[in-house]
Amino acid sequence: MASFAPGLSFIDTHSKADTTNCKSFTFKIKPDICVYADGALPPHPRQSSCDISAAEVVIEFKWGFHHSPFYIPANGSYIIIWDREGATVFSAINYNEEPHLADFLHCYAQASPALHGVDTLVMPASIEEAHLARLQLDLPATKCMLKVAVPAINNSGLITLIFLAPVPVGQTHIGQCTYACPAYNIDNEKVVMLKDSWWVASTDILPEGKTYRLLKEHNVSNIASCIACHDIHSIPQQALQTYKFADAAWVCMHNTITLHIHYHLVLNIVGK
């Protein structure tokens, strides 16, 4: 497949578990193949390294149909796509006879990070930004720091935050996937609370930022102030897909599937 996807490296990692990002897991993460973008890893470790945080695509090989985790209909096995709402399994591709897998990898190699599903609003902090944030957040120099900008609620512009890169946990990624942490506001040099989550888009539920605003408008005491928030409007190709198929005739039995929207919330204080 490498010949169809210049710019991607296909690395055999079947015997090399990721012991850096996933060391706290109760199981090992070691896909048969990790696909990396050129330049994502240093040259030496690439020969056998499993770094799931840098992997663009993961590939698993199975010896026979009896190893498939899915029901196999008469026309073959399946492949699978995940999002925050569930998993959708599509018809199999016979890659020896059909071009779809090669076409996919060829297009993927040329596509932008946003089309790959990367949240392009988040980026690595600069050396200076990371140093200042670690001092304010009392973090060791080895910690990886990220940067994100969130629109202020008073329409005064963006609030730029430096925060600790999340630590992976060995849990399902279906659901709200809430990550909350102290963050350093480089605009006013204060520590605030950043919350990243996927809220359930329902007419019965308000986004948290609006809830905080209503509480403030009604003079409710002893609550934090929301200083920035927004729905993260991704490109159409990043939109969640599972809910679209919730009522399809071929869907297995499942709990209610609801649309989720990626959301950032920033509070003015860090609670203890």
Protein backbone atom coordinates (compact mmCIF):
# COMPACT_ATOMS: atom_id res chain seq x y z
CA MET A 1 0.00 0.00 0.00
CA ALA A 2 2.95 2.36 0.54
CA SER A 3 3.28 2.84 -3.21
CA PHE A 4 -0.27 4.25 -3.34
CA ALA A 5 0.29 6.65 -0.44
CA PRO A 6 3.51 8.67 -0.71
CA GLY A 7 3.99 10.68 2.45
CA LEU A 8 2.76 7.88 4.71
CA SER A 9 4.94 5.25 6.41
CA PHE A 10 3.54 1.79 7.17
CA ILE A 11 5.31 0.41 10.28
CA ASP A 12 5.05 -3.14 11.65
CA THR A 13 4.15 -2.64 15.33
CA HIS A 14 2.52 -5.98 16.09
CA SER A 15 5.11 -6.80 18.79
CA LYS A 16 5.76 -3.25 20.04
CA ALA A 17 3.08 -1.97 22.41
CA ASP A 18 2.72 1.75 23.09
CA THR A 19 4.27 2.05 26.55
CA THR A 20 4.43 5.84 26.55
CA ASN A 21 0.87 7.00 25.94
CA CYS A 22 -0.92 3.87 27.16
CA LYS A 23 1.19 2.72 30.09
CA SER A 24 -1.75 3.10 32.51
CA PHE A 25 -4.03 0.85 30.45
CA THR A 26 -4.98 -2.60 31.73
CA PHE A 27 -4.35 -3.95 28.22
CA LYS A 28 -1.74 -3.39 25.53
CA ILE A 29 -2.15 -1.17 22.48
CA LYS A 30 -0.12 -2.68 19.64
CA PRO A 31 -1.85 -2.58 16.24
CA ASP A 32 -0.36 -4.85 13.58
CA ILE A 33 0.43 -1.78 11.46
CA CYS A 34 0.68 1.87 12.46
CA VAL A 35 0.54 4.35 9.60
CA TYR A 36 2.42 7.60 10.25
CA ALA A 37 2.75 10.81 8.29
CA ASP A 38 6.35 11.40 7.23
CA GLY A 39 8.08 13.45 9.88
CA ALA A 40 5.69 12.45 12.67
CA LEU A 41 8.35 10.34 14.40
CA PRO A 42 12.15 10.50 14.65
CA PRO A 43 13.89 8.29 12.03
CA HIS A 44 15.29 5.62 14.37
CA PRO A 45 12.15 4.54 16.33
CA ARG A 46 10.05 4.41 13.16
CA GLN A 47 11.26 0.92 12.32
CA SER A 48 9.26 -0.64 15.15
CA SER A 49 7.70 2.13 17.22
CA CYS A 50 4.06 2.22 18.28
CA ASP A 51 3.09 5.79 19.14
CA ILE A 52 -0.69 5.79 19.02
CA SER A 53 -0.80 9.56 19.54
CA ALA A 54 1.02 10.09 16.23
CA ALA A 55 -0.60 7.27 14.23
CA GLU A 56 -2.78 8.40 11.34
CA VAL A 57 -4.32 4.97 10.65
CA VAL A 58 -4.16 1.65 12.50
CA ILE A 59 -4.48 -1.69 10.69
CA GLU A 60 -5.25 -5.14 12.10
CA PHE A 61 -4.66 -8.42 10.26
CA LYS A 62 -6.67 -11.56 11.03
CA TRP A 63 -5.93 -15.11 9.87
CA GLY A 64 -9.51 -16.14 9.27
CA PHE A 65 -13.15 -15.11 9.30
CA HIS A 66 -13.63 -16.75 12.70
CA HIS A 67 -11.46 -13.97 14.19
CA SER A 68 -13.85 -11.26 13.00
CA PRO A 69 -15.67 -9.47 15.85
CA PHE A 70 -18.64 -8.82 13.57
CA TYR A 71 -21.43 -10.89 12.16
CA ILE A 72 -20.36 -12.01 8.68
CA PRO A 73 -23.18 -12.01 6.13
CA ALA A 74 -23.19 -14.03 2.95
CA ASN A 75 -21.34 -11.36 0.96
CA GLY A 76 -18.28 -11.16 3.19
CA SER A 77 -16.84 -9.47 6.29
CA TYR A 78 -16.87 -5.82 7.36
CA ILE A 79 -14.84 -2.77 8.25
CA ILE A 80 -15.68 -0.16 10.80
CA ILE A 81 -15.94 3.55 11.53
CA TRP A 82 -16.30 5.14 15.00
CA ASP A 83 -17.47 8.51 16.26
CA ARG A 84 -18.70 9.90 19.60
CA GLU A 85 -22.14 8.33 19.13
CA GLY A 86 -21.31 4.78 18.14
CA ALA A 87 -19.85 2.60 15.44
CA THR A 88 -20.95 1.99 11.87
CA VAL A 89 -19.71 -1.15 10.09
CA PHE A 90 -19.57 -1.06 6.31
CA SER A 91 -19.37 -3.78 3.69
CA ALA A 92 -16.04 -5.50 3.14
CA ILE A 93 -13.52 -4.50 0.48
CA ASN A 94 -11.76 -7.23 -1.48
CA TYR A 95 -8.50 -5.32 -1.82
CA ASN A 96 -7.03 -7.88 -4.24
CA GLU A 97 -9.79 -7.20 -6.77
CA GLU A 98 -11.24 -3.76 -5.91
CA PRO A 99 -9.36 -0.42 -5.82
CA HIS A 100 -11.26 1.19 -2.93
CA LEU A 101 -8.65 0.64 -0.20
CA ALA A 102 -5.80 1.87 -2.41
CA ASP A 103 -7.93 4.84 -3.51
CA PHE A 104 -8.70 5.70 0.10
CA LEU A 105 -5.06 5.65 1.20
CA HIS A 106 -3.98 7.60 -1.90
CA CYS A 107 -6.54 10.33 -1.14
CA TYR A 108 -5.80 10.25 2.60
CA ALA A 109 -2.11 10.84 1.99
CA GLN A 110 -2.93 14.06 0.12
CA ALA A 111 -5.71 15.33 2.40
CA SER A 112 -5.33 18.08 5.00
CA PRO A 113 -5.16 17.36 8.75
CA ALA A 114 -8.70 18.75 9.09
CA LEU A 115 -9.98 16.18 6.60
CA HIS A 116 -8.18 13.51 8.63
CA GLY A 117 -10.34 14.48 11.61
CA VAL A 118 -7.71 16.50 13.48
CA ASP A 119 -8.99 19.32 15.70
CA THR A 120 -6.94 22.06 14.07
CA LEU A 121 -7.93 24.60 16.74
CA VAL A 122 -5.57 22.82 19.15
CA MET A 123 -1.83 23.04 18.50
CA PRO A 124 1.43 22.54 20.37
CA ALA A 125 2.39 25.47 22.59
CA SER A 126 5.64 27.26 21.82
CA ILE A 127 8.66 26.63 24.06
CA GLU A 128 8.19 29.95 25.82
CA GLU A 129 4.42 29.54 26.21
CA ALA A 130 4.83 26.03 27.60
CA HIS A 131 7.50 27.19 30.06
CA LEU A 132 5.33 30.00 31.42
CA ALA A 133 2.28 27.73 31.72
CA ARG A 134 4.21 25.00 33.54
CA LEU A 135 5.44 27.57 36.10
CA GLN A 136 1.91 28.86 36.74
CA LEU A 137 0.36 25.39 36.81
CA ASP A 138 3.19 23.86 38.86
CA LEU A 139 3.97 21.17 36.31
CA PRO A 140 7.31 19.44 35.61
CA ALA A 141 9.30 20.45 32.56
CA THR A 142 8.66 17.11 30.89
CA LYS A 143 4.92 17.68 30.50
CA CYS A 144 3.58 18.31 26.99
CA MET A 145 1.58 21.52 26.68
CA LEU A 146 -1.05 22.44 24.09
CA LYS A 147 -2.65 25.73 23.02
CA VAL A 148 -6.20 26.64 22.06
CA ALA A 149 -8.10 29.90 21.48
CA VAL A 150 -11.73 30.23 22.64
CA PRO A 151 -14.06 33.17 21.82
CA ALA A 152 -14.77 35.40 24.84
CA ILE A 153 -18.42 35.74 25.78
CA ASN A 154 -18.33 39.55 25.52
CA ASN A 155 -17.24 39.37 21.86
CA SER A 156 -13.94 41.01 22.77
CA GLY A 157 -11.90 38.50 20.80
CA LEU A 158 -10.19 35.21 21.58
CA ILE A 159 -8.82 33.97 24.88
CA THR A 160 -5.62 31.98 24.34
CA LEU A 161 -5.06 29.14 26.77
CA ILE A 162 -2.10 26.82 27.41
CA PHE A 163 -3.04 23.50 28.99
CA LEU A 164 -1.69 20.06 29.78
CA ALA A 165 -2.07 17.50 27.00
CA PRO A 166 -4.66 14.92 28.11
CA VAL A 167 -3.50 11.50 29.23
CA PRO A 168 -5.19 8.66 27.31
CA VAL A 169 -7.42 6.30 29.29
CA GLY A 170 -8.43 2.81 28.27
CA GLN A 171 -12.13 3.49 27.96
CA THR A 172 -14.68 3.63 25.17
CA HIS A 173 -14.70 6.90 23.29
CA ILE A 174 -18.49 6.90 22.86
CA GLY A 175 -20.14 9.63 24.89
CA GLN A 176 -19.25 13.15 26.00
CA CYS A 177 -15.54 12.48 26.54
CA THR A 178 -15.22 15.29 29.07
CA TYR A 179 -11.73 16.64 29.74
CA ALA A 180 -11.42 19.47 32.29
CA CYS A 181 -8.16 20.96 33.51
CA PRO A 182 -6.56 24.17 34.78
CA ALA A 183 -5.21 26.29 31.93
CA TYR A 184 -2.94 29.33 31.73
CA ASN A 185 -4.48 32.38 30.07
CA ILE A 186 -1.51 34.02 28.34
CA ASP A 187 -3.55 37.17 27.67
CA ASN A 188 -3.91 38.17 31.34
CA GLU A 189 -1.49 35.69 32.98
CA LYS A 190 -4.19 34.06 35.08
CA VAL A 191 -5.10 30.42 35.70
CA VAL A 192 -8.62 29.44 34.59
CA MET A 193 -10.59 26.24 34.06
CA LEU A 194 -10.88 24.76 30.57
CA LYS A 195 -13.49 22.12 29.77
CA ASP A 196 -13.56 20.20 26.48
CA SER A 197 -16.56 17.94 25.89
CA TRP A 198 -19.24 16.78 23.45
CA TRP A 199 -22.65 17.97 24.63
CA VAL A 200 -25.90 16.30 23.65
CA ALA A 201 -27.61 18.52 21.08
CA SER A 202 -31.17 18.37 22.33
CA THR A 203 -33.88 21.02 22.54
CA ASP A 204 -34.20 20.14 26.23
CA ILE A 205 -30.54 20.88 26.98
CA LEU A 206 -28.77 24.24 27.03
CA PRO A 207 -25.04 24.53 26.33
CA GLU A 208 -23.21 25.15 29.60
CA GLY A 209 -22.11 28.64 28.62
CA LYS A 210 -25.75 29.76 28.23
CA THR A 211 -26.64 28.13 31.54
CA TYR A 212 -23.90 30.06 33.35
CA ARG A 213 -25.08 33.29 31.68
CA LEU A 214 -28.67 32.72 32.84
CA LEU A 215 -27.52 32.05 36.39
CA LYS A 216 -25.52 35.29 36.40
CA GLU A 217 -28.43 37.26 34.92
CA HIS A 218 -30.63 36.03 37.79
CA ASN A 219 -28.00 36.88 40.42
CA VAL A 220 -27.49 33.31 41.56
CA SER A 221 -24.68 33.33 44.11
CA ASN A 222 -21.65 31.08 44.63
CA ILE A 223 -21.07 30.08 41.02
CA ALA A 224 -18.13 30.55 38.71
CA SER A 225 -18.30 32.91 35.75
CA CYS A 226 -18.09 31.65 32.18
CA ILE A 227 -15.60 33.89 30.37
CA ALA A 228 -15.44 32.02 27.04
CA CYS A 229 -17.32 29.25 25.24
CA HIS A 230 -18.31 28.04 21.80
CA ASP A 231 -19.53 25.15 19.72
CA ILE A 232 -16.61 23.90 17.67
CA HIS A 233 -17.95 24.01 14.13
CA SER A 234 -15.81 21.58 12.20
CA ILE A 235 -15.75 21.09 8.47
CA PRO A 236 -18.62 18.93 7.12
CA GLN A 237 -16.35 15.91 6.72
CA GLN A 238 -15.76 15.88 10.49
CA ALA A 239 -19.45 15.88 11.42
CA LEU A 240 -20.68 12.88 13.39
CA GLN A 241 -22.39 10.26 11.25
CA THR A 242 -23.76 7.49 13.48
CA TYR A 243 -27.02 9.24 14.42
CA LYS A 244 -27.98 9.46 10.74
CA PHE A 245 -28.34 5.67 10.64
CA ALA A 246 -30.13 5.21 13.98
CA ASP A 247 -33.40 4.11 12.34
CA ALA A 248 -31.96 2.15 9.42
CA ALA A 249 -33.43 -1.31 8.88
CA TRP A 250 -30.02 -2.98 9.18
CA VAL A 251 -29.06 -1.42 12.52
CA CYS A 252 -28.49 -3.75 15.47
CA MET A 253 -30.33 -3.24 18.74
CA HIS A 254 -28.96 -0.16 20.48
CA ASN A 255 -29.67 2.53 23.04
CA THR A 256 -30.95 5.91 21.90
CA ILE A 257 -28.47 7.65 19.62
CA THR A 258 -28.36 11.43 19.88
CA LEU A 259 -26.34 14.09 18.11
CA HIS A 260 -23.29 15.40 19.99
CA ILE A 261 -21.51 18.71 19.38
CA HIS A 262 -17.90 19.47 20.31
CA TYR A 263 -17.75 22.29 22.86
CA HIS A 264 -15.26 24.45 24.77
CA LEU A 265 -16.07 26.15 28.08
CA VAL A 266 -13.76 28.42 30.11
CA LEU A 267 -14.50 29.40 33.72
CA ASN A 268 -12.78 32.22 35.58
CA ILE A 269 -11.68 30.14 38.58
CA VAL A 270 -10.41 26.63 39.30
CA GLY A 271 -12.45 24.96 42.02
CA LYS A 272 -10.97 22.78 44.74
